[in-house]
Amino acid sequence: MKLSGFNFELPEELLAEYPAENRDESKLMVIHRETGKIEHKMFKDMIDYFDEGDVMVLNNTKVFPARLFGNKEKTGARIEVFLLRELNEEQRLWDVLVDPARKIRIGNKLYFGDDDTLVAEVIDNTTSRGRTLRFLYDGSYTDFRRKLKELGDTPLPKYIKRETEPEDADRYQTIYAKHEGAVAAPTAGLHFSKHLLKRLEIKGIDFAELTLHVGLGTFNPVEVEDLSKHKMDSEELIIDEKTTEIVNNAKANKKRVCAIGTTVMRGLESGVSSQHTLNTHEGWTNKFIFPPYDFSIANCMVTNFHLPKSTLLMMVSAFMGHDLMKKAYKEAILESYKFYSYGDAMLIL
């Protein structure tokens, strides 16, 4: 497959600026791979497609408030700083993106907060927008992290033009988020409410969890026509023994193993053993899934509607078949499904 095979016209008004009023009442497109049948439901109707002993695998990563706004020394210019990853806890070194980048050079200092108690010095250029910052803060490491959270903003995707609002701190987070480390939400999981999870549990559906800390690299544009030449950024992945046991047991019993989101699917496929079972994993993954691809673990998935030419769309195409993906997306546009992070969902069976 070539990059051009994943392009389509997406009306701007279908990009979701806000989430559905209730988490589990977004629209749900249900796609049956064997027959090509497409159904239109609400997300909470997904319970009807699962039976006792089926497994849903969740990504329990937690988004941290990664967007900061500071002022450049001397000029006072307002600079956006997006925290990507911590490089060194002791030295308080972080990889970040800055905007506007042309104004930020090695040696510049940035001041954060009304009282300027948090200061950062630029010590390296990593990419055109990337910088390494050393934060200068007198307090303990715990106080420093608390300060970052206090000054940070919910890292909504750039396509959302509005300012962040108080409810975003809650809604751009899954209700089962546990381990902080993501700079973007695993958005398929945003549709689950406590009530829906409880109903699924009562029906006998089992849950397994992995942790994949979503980085911005997932959303990097693909700039090569030959997809085999595209390189994904690495993201931290943890799969424990409890999860492998639940998933492998379900596979052995011919039950459904449903990946809740593309991040879960990437995580599961990064932990495949030579016997096509799931192994534990603690480390990093830069796995890029695009057609053709044989999936080893999950046999169904929940995912949002993705942007043209995105790596996420390519994974969905690999899972459901390219022609069926094109048919489903055409229908989604006709039926005014909402796209991207705060958008609607599809269940691929």
Protein backbone atom coordinates (compact mmCIF):
# COMPACT_ATOMS: atom_id res chain seq x y z
CA MET A 1 0.00 0.00 0.00
CA LYS A 2 1.08 3.55 -0.75
CA LEU A 3 0.43 6.71 1.26
CA SER A 4 -1.90 8.09 -1.42
CA GLY A 5 -4.24 5.14 -0.82
CA PHE A 6 -5.18 6.62 2.57
CA ASN A 7 -6.25 10.06 1.43
CA PHE A 8 -9.86 11.24 1.49
CA GLU A 9 -11.77 14.50 1.74
CA LEU A 10 -12.81 15.17 5.34
CA PRO A 11 -15.23 18.08 5.87
CA GLU A 12 -13.82 20.36 8.57
CA GLU A 13 -17.14 20.51 10.42
CA LEU A 14 -16.82 16.77 11.22
CA LEU A 15 -13.74 17.34 13.40
CA ALA A 16 -15.08 17.12 16.95
CA GLU A 17 -14.38 20.24 19.02
CA TYR A 18 -16.21 18.86 22.06
CA PRO A 19 -16.96 15.35 23.36
CA ALA A 20 -20.48 13.91 23.45
CA GLU A 21 -22.52 15.13 26.42
CA ASN A 22 -22.36 11.66 27.99
CA ARG A 23 -19.34 9.43 27.41
CA ASP A 24 -21.24 6.32 26.32
CA GLU A 25 -23.77 8.15 24.12
CA SER A 26 -21.50 8.97 21.21
CA LYS A 27 -22.36 7.31 17.92
CA LEU A 28 -21.01 3.83 17.25
CA MET A 29 -20.56 2.30 13.82
CA VAL A 30 -20.47 -1.50 14.04
CA ILE A 31 -18.63 -3.21 11.19
CA HIS A 32 -18.79 -6.94 10.51
CA ARG A 33 -15.63 -7.91 8.64
CA GLU A 34 -16.91 -11.26 7.35
CA THR A 35 -20.08 -9.92 5.73
CA GLY A 36 -19.25 -6.24 5.22
CA LYS A 37 -22.43 -5.33 7.09
CA ILE A 38 -22.46 -1.89 8.75
CA GLU A 39 -24.78 -0.93 11.63
CA HIS A 40 -25.37 2.43 13.30
CA LYS A 41 -25.70 2.35 17.08
CA MET A 42 -24.84 4.27 20.24
CA PHE A 43 -21.63 3.43 22.08
CA LYS A 44 -23.44 1.90 25.06
CA ASP A 45 -25.03 -0.64 22.66
CA MET A 46 -21.63 -2.30 22.28
CA ILE A 47 -22.53 -4.56 25.21
CA ASP A 48 -24.86 -6.47 22.88
CA TYR A 49 -21.92 -7.78 20.86
CA PHE A 50 -20.03 -9.41 23.73
CA ASP A 51 -20.62 -12.52 25.83
CA GLU A 52 -19.36 -13.97 29.09
CA GLY A 53 -15.64 -14.77 28.93
CA ASP A 54 -14.86 -12.24 26.21
CA VAL A 55 -11.99 -9.89 27.05
CA MET A 56 -11.52 -6.17 26.54
CA VAL A 57 -7.96 -4.88 26.74
CA LEU A 58 -7.64 -1.31 28.02
CA ASN A 59 -4.73 1.14 27.96
CA ASN A 60 -4.50 2.52 31.50
CA THR A 61 -2.06 5.32 30.69
CA LYS A 62 -2.87 8.70 32.19
CA VAL A 63 -2.47 12.01 30.38
CA PHE A 64 -0.48 14.63 32.22
CA PRO A 65 -1.02 18.38 31.67
CA ALA A 66 1.81 18.69 29.19
CA ARG A 67 1.14 22.13 27.67
CA LEU A 68 2.81 25.08 29.40
CA PHE A 69 2.91 28.75 28.50
CA GLY A 70 5.96 30.78 29.46
CA ASN A 71 7.62 34.08 28.68
CA LYS A 72 11.02 34.52 27.13
CA GLU A 73 13.55 36.48 29.17
CA LYS A 74 14.10 40.14 28.17
CA THR A 75 11.51 40.24 25.35
CA GLY A 76 8.64 38.70 27.36
CA ALA A 77 7.43 36.88 24.20
CA ARG A 78 4.78 34.25 24.98
CA ILE A 79 6.10 30.76 24.21
CA GLU A 80 4.17 27.50 24.22
CA VAL A 81 6.12 24.57 25.62
CA PHE A 82 4.83 21.04 25.11
CA LEU A 83 6.44 18.50 27.44
CA LEU A 84 7.24 15.29 25.59
CA ARG A 85 9.31 13.17 27.96
CA GLU A 86 11.46 13.45 31.03
CA LEU A 87 15.11 12.67 30.24
CA ASN A 88 16.69 12.96 33.67
CA GLU A 89 14.82 13.23 36.97
CA GLU A 90 17.78 14.45 38.99
CA GLN A 91 18.80 17.17 36.53
CA ARG A 92 15.17 17.95 35.58
CA LEU A 93 15.86 17.62 31.88
CA TRP A 94 12.93 17.37 29.47
CA ASP A 95 12.45 16.91 25.75
CA VAL A 96 9.90 19.50 24.62
CA LEU A 97 8.39 21.15 21.57
CA VAL A 98 8.34 24.95 21.48
CA ASP A 99 6.19 27.35 19.48
CA PRO A 100 7.20 29.70 17.93
CA ALA A 101 10.45 27.77 17.64
CA ARG A 102 12.39 30.39 15.65
CA LYS A 103 12.56 32.58 18.76
CA ILE A 104 14.05 29.94 21.04
CA ARG A 105 17.79 29.30 20.99
CA ILE A 106 20.30 27.52 23.20
CA GLY A 107 20.96 29.61 26.30
CA ASN A 108 17.54 31.31 26.36
CA LYS A 109 15.59 31.24 29.61
CA LEU A 110 11.83 30.84 29.90
CA TYR A 111 9.76 31.93 32.91
CA PHE A 112 6.53 30.21 33.94
CA GLY A 113 3.72 31.25 36.28
CA ASP A 114 2.69 34.64 37.60
CA ASP A 115 5.48 34.63 40.15
CA ASP A 116 8.15 33.22 37.78
CA THR A 117 9.04 30.56 40.38
CA LEU A 118 9.65 28.04 37.60
CA VAL A 119 12.43 28.82 35.14
CA ALA A 120 13.79 26.70 32.29
CA GLU A 121 16.99 27.06 30.32
CA VAL A 122 17.32 25.81 26.72
CA ILE A 123 20.36 23.55 26.56
CA ASP A 124 19.95 21.82 23.18
CA ASN A 125 18.16 21.91 19.83
CA THR A 126 16.84 18.46 18.91
CA THR A 127 14.65 19.13 15.84
CA SER A 128 13.23 22.20 14.12
CA ARG A 129 10.68 22.57 16.94
CA GLY A 130 12.30 20.30 19.51
CA ARG A 131 14.41 21.53 22.41
CA THR A 132 15.91 20.10 25.58
CA LEU A 133 15.11 22.17 28.66
CA ARG A 134 16.70 22.12 32.10
CA PHE A 135 14.17 23.29 34.69
CA LEU A 136 15.62 25.40 37.47
CA TYR A 137 13.58 24.96 40.64
CA ASP A 138 14.70 25.13 44.27
CA GLY A 139 12.12 22.76 45.77
CA SER A 140 12.07 18.97 46.00
CA TYR A 141 11.35 16.76 43.00
CA THR A 142 7.82 16.14 44.33
CA ASP A 143 7.23 19.88 44.58
CA PHE A 144 8.66 20.36 41.09
CA ARG A 145 6.24 17.82 39.57
CA ARG A 146 3.39 19.40 41.49
CA LYS A 147 4.38 22.77 40.06
CA LEU A 148 4.41 21.39 36.51
CA LYS A 149 0.90 20.02 37.01
CA GLU A 150 -0.30 23.27 38.52
CA LEU A 151 1.00 25.32 35.59
CA GLY A 152 0.23 22.78 32.87
CA ASP A 153 -2.78 22.70 30.61
CA THR A 154 -4.68 19.73 29.17
CA PRO A 155 -2.85 18.84 25.94
CA LEU A 156 -5.79 18.90 23.54
CA PRO A 157 -4.85 18.15 19.91
CA LYS A 158 -3.94 21.15 17.76
CA TYR A 159 -6.99 20.74 15.52
CA ILE A 160 -9.17 21.91 18.44
CA LYS A 161 -8.95 25.67 17.98
CA ARG A 162 -10.74 26.70 21.16
CA GLU A 163 -9.10 27.34 24.53
CA THR A 164 -9.13 24.44 26.98
CA GLU A 165 -12.06 24.45 29.39
CA PRO A 166 -12.29 23.04 32.93
CA GLU A 167 -14.20 19.93 31.80
CA ASP A 168 -11.37 18.97 29.40
CA ALA A 169 -9.19 17.92 32.35
CA ASP A 170 -11.76 15.18 33.04
CA ARG A 171 -13.05 14.38 29.57
CA TYR A 172 -9.65 14.08 27.89
CA GLN A 173 -8.87 11.24 30.29
CA THR A 174 -10.27 7.71 30.42
CA ILE A 175 -12.11 6.83 33.62
CA TYR A 176 -9.67 3.95 34.17
CA ALA A 177 -6.46 6.01 33.73
CA LYS A 178 -3.84 5.03 36.33
CA HIS A 179 -0.23 5.51 35.27
CA GLU A 180 0.77 9.02 34.28
CA GLY A 181 2.98 9.35 31.23
CA ALA A 182 0.93 10.10 28.10
CA VAL A 183 0.83 13.41 26.25
CA ALA A 184 -2.25 12.36 24.30
CA ALA A 185 -5.27 10.32 25.39
CA PRO A 186 -5.96 6.78 24.15
CA THR A 187 -9.17 8.18 22.71
CA ALA A 188 -11.17 4.99 22.03
CA GLY A 189 -11.32 4.56 25.80
CA LEU A 190 -12.89 8.00 26.34
CA HIS A 191 -16.30 6.52 25.46
CA PHE A 192 -16.48 4.23 28.47
CA SER A 193 -18.58 5.40 31.42
CA LYS A 194 -18.55 3.85 34.89
CA HIS A 195 -22.08 2.64 34.26
CA LEU A 196 -21.14 0.88 31.00
CA LEU A 197 -18.08 -0.76 32.57
CA LYS A 198 -20.24 -2.06 35.40
CA ARG A 199 -22.83 -3.46 32.95
CA LEU A 200 -20.08 -5.21 30.99
CA GLU A 201 -18.64 -6.64 34.20
CA ILE A 202 -22.05 -7.95 35.28
CA LYS A 203 -22.44 -9.62 31.87
CA GLY A 204 -19.19 -11.51 32.50
CA ILE A 205 -16.80 -9.62 30.26
CA ASP A 206 -13.23 -9.73 31.56
CA PHE A 207 -10.87 -6.77 31.48
CA ALA A 208 -7.12 -6.77 30.99
CA GLU A 209 -4.88 -3.72 31.08
CA LEU A 210 -1.62 -2.66 29.53
CA THR A 211 0.21 0.65 29.72
CA LEU A 212 1.33 2.37 26.56
CA HIS A 213 2.29 5.99 27.15
CA VAL A 214 1.03 7.74 24.05
CA GLY A 215 3.50 10.23 22.58
CA LEU A 216 3.00 12.80 19.86
CA GLY A 217 4.93 10.55 17.46
CA THR A 218 1.74 8.52 16.95
CA PHE A 219 0.31 11.56 15.18
CA ASN A 220 3.38 12.52 13.14
CA PRO A 221 2.50 12.91 9.46
CA VAL A 222 3.70 10.22 7.10
CA GLU A 223 5.89 11.96 4.56
CA VAL A 224 6.97 9.03 2.37
CA GLU A 225 4.84 7.38 -0.30
CA ASP A 226 6.43 4.00 0.48
CA LEU A 227 5.01 3.15 3.92
CA SER A 228 7.82 0.71 4.69
CA LYS A 229 10.15 3.71 4.89
CA HIS A 230 8.16 5.48 7.65
CA LYS A 231 9.62 5.29 11.17
CA MET A 232 7.43 5.51 14.25
CA ASP A 233 8.66 7.19 17.44
CA SER A 234 9.20 4.83 20.38
CA GLU A 235 6.65 4.76 23.18
CA GLU A 236 6.94 3.11 26.58
CA LEU A 237 4.99 -0.15 26.88
CA ILE A 238 4.29 -2.38 29.88
CA ILE A 239 2.35 -5.68 29.70
CA ASP A 240 2.25 -7.64 32.94
CA GLU A 241 1.69 -11.33 33.68
CA LYS A 242 -1.91 -10.87 34.77
CA THR A 243 -2.79 -9.40 31.38
CA THR A 244 -0.99 -12.13 29.43
CA GLU A 245 -2.81 -14.77 31.45
CA ILE A 246 -6.27 -13.24 30.85
CA VAL A 247 -5.65 -12.68 27.13
CA ASN A 248 -4.06 -16.05 26.41
CA ASN A 249 -6.81 -17.87 28.30
CA ALA A 250 -9.46 -16.09 26.22
CA LYS A 251 -7.60 -16.96 23.01
CA ALA A 252 -7.34 -20.61 24.04
CA ASN A 253 -11.10 -20.68 24.68
CA LYS A 254 -11.91 -19.03 21.31
CA LYS A 255 -13.37 -15.95 23.00
CA ARG A 256 -13.33 -12.41 21.73
CA VAL A 257 -10.23 -10.39 22.57
CA CYS A 258 -11.12 -6.77 21.87
CA ALA A 259 -8.41 -4.11 21.66
CA ILE A 260 -9.83 -0.85 22.95
CA GLY A 261 -7.98 1.52 20.67
CA THR A 262 -5.06 1.57 18.27
CA THR A 263 -2.60 2.00 21.15
CA VAL A 264 -3.76 -1.28 22.68
CA MET A 265 -3.53 -3.01 19.30
CA ARG A 266 0.05 -1.74 18.85
CA GLY A 267 0.88 -2.85 22.37
CA LEU A 268 -0.54 -6.35 21.93
CA GLU A 269 1.21 -6.86 18.60
CA SER A 270 4.48 -5.70 20.16
CA GLY A 271 4.25 -8.51 22.72
CA VAL A 272 3.55 -11.46 20.41
CA SER A 273 5.51 -14.67 21.05
CA SER A 274 6.68 -17.12 18.38
CA GLN A 275 3.62 -19.25 19.29
CA HIS A 276 1.32 -16.27 18.58
CA THR A 277 0.45 -15.84 22.24
CA LEU A 278 0.97 -12.71 24.33
CA ASN A 279 4.22 -12.23 26.24
CA THR A 280 4.95 -9.86 29.09
CA HIS A 281 6.80 -6.73 28.00
CA GLU A 282 8.57 -3.91 29.76
CA GLY A 283 10.35 -1.46 27.52
CA TRP A 284 9.56 0.44 24.35
CA THR A 285 7.79 -0.13 21.05
CA ASN A 286 8.05 1.63 17.71
CA LYS A 287 5.84 -0.87 15.87
CA PHE A 288 4.14 0.49 12.77
CA ILE A 289 1.19 -1.57 11.49
CA PHE A 290 0.03 -1.05 7.92
CA PRO A 291 -1.45 -3.35 5.23
CA PRO A 292 -0.87 -6.16 4.65
CA TYR A 293 -0.49 -7.40 8.23
CA ASP A 294 -1.50 -10.59 10.06
CA PHE A 295 -2.79 -9.86 13.56
CA SER A 296 -1.99 -12.42 16.25
CA ILE A 297 -3.85 -11.41 19.41
CA ALA A 298 -7.01 -9.27 19.15
CA ASN A 299 -9.89 -10.40 16.92
CA CYS A 300 -11.96 -7.25 17.29
CA MET A 301 -11.28 -3.62 18.13
CA VAL A 302 -12.84 -0.32 19.13
CA THR A 303 -11.40 2.81 17.59
CA ASN A 304 -12.30 6.40 16.74
CA PHE A 305 -12.47 7.83 13.22
CA HIS A 306 -9.03 8.94 12.10
CA LEU A 307 -7.56 11.59 9.86
CA PRO A 308 -6.53 11.06 6.22
CA LYS A 309 -3.03 9.63 5.71
CA SER A 310 -2.59 8.93 9.45
CA THR A 311 -0.77 5.87 10.82
CA LEU A 312 -3.91 5.13 12.84
CA LEU A 313 -6.02 4.89 9.69
CA MET A 314 -3.42 2.56 8.19
CA MET A 315 -3.69 0.20 11.16
CA VAL A 316 -7.50 0.17 10.90
CA SER A 317 -7.22 -0.58 7.18
CA ALA A 318 -4.88 -3.49 7.94
CA PHE A 319 -7.37 -4.89 10.45
CA MET A 320 -10.67 -4.52 8.58
CA GLY A 321 -9.52 -4.59 4.95
CA HIS A 322 -8.83 -1.56 2.80
CA ASP A 323 -11.99 -1.63 0.69
CA LEU A 324 -14.24 -2.08 3.71
CA MET A 325 -12.41 0.75 5.50
CA LYS A 326 -13.03 3.07 2.54
CA LYS A 327 -16.70 2.06 2.46
CA ALA A 328 -17.10 2.64 6.23
CA TYR A 329 -15.41 6.04 6.13
CA LYS A 330 -17.53 7.15 3.17
CA GLU A 331 -20.64 6.18 5.12
CA ALA A 332 -19.33 7.91 8.27
CA ILE A 333 -19.02 11.18 6.35
CA LEU A 334 -22.49 10.79 4.84
CA GLU A 335 -23.96 10.08 8.31
CA SER A 336 -22.07 13.00 9.91
CA TYR A 337 -20.02 10.94 12.35
CA LYS A 338 -17.56 13.06 14.30
CA PHE A 339 -13.86 12.43 13.74
CA TYR A 340 -10.66 12.39 15.78
CA SER A 341 -10.00 12.62 19.51
CA TYR A 342 -13.40 13.80 20.79
CA GLY A 343 -15.26 12.08 17.96
CA ASP A 344 -17.42 9.00 17.55
CA ALA A 345 -16.32 5.37 17.55
CA MET A 346 -16.42 2.19 15.50
CA LEU A 347 -16.51 -1.40 16.67
CA ILE A 348 -14.84 -3.74 14.18
CA LEU A 349 -15.90 -7.36 14.62
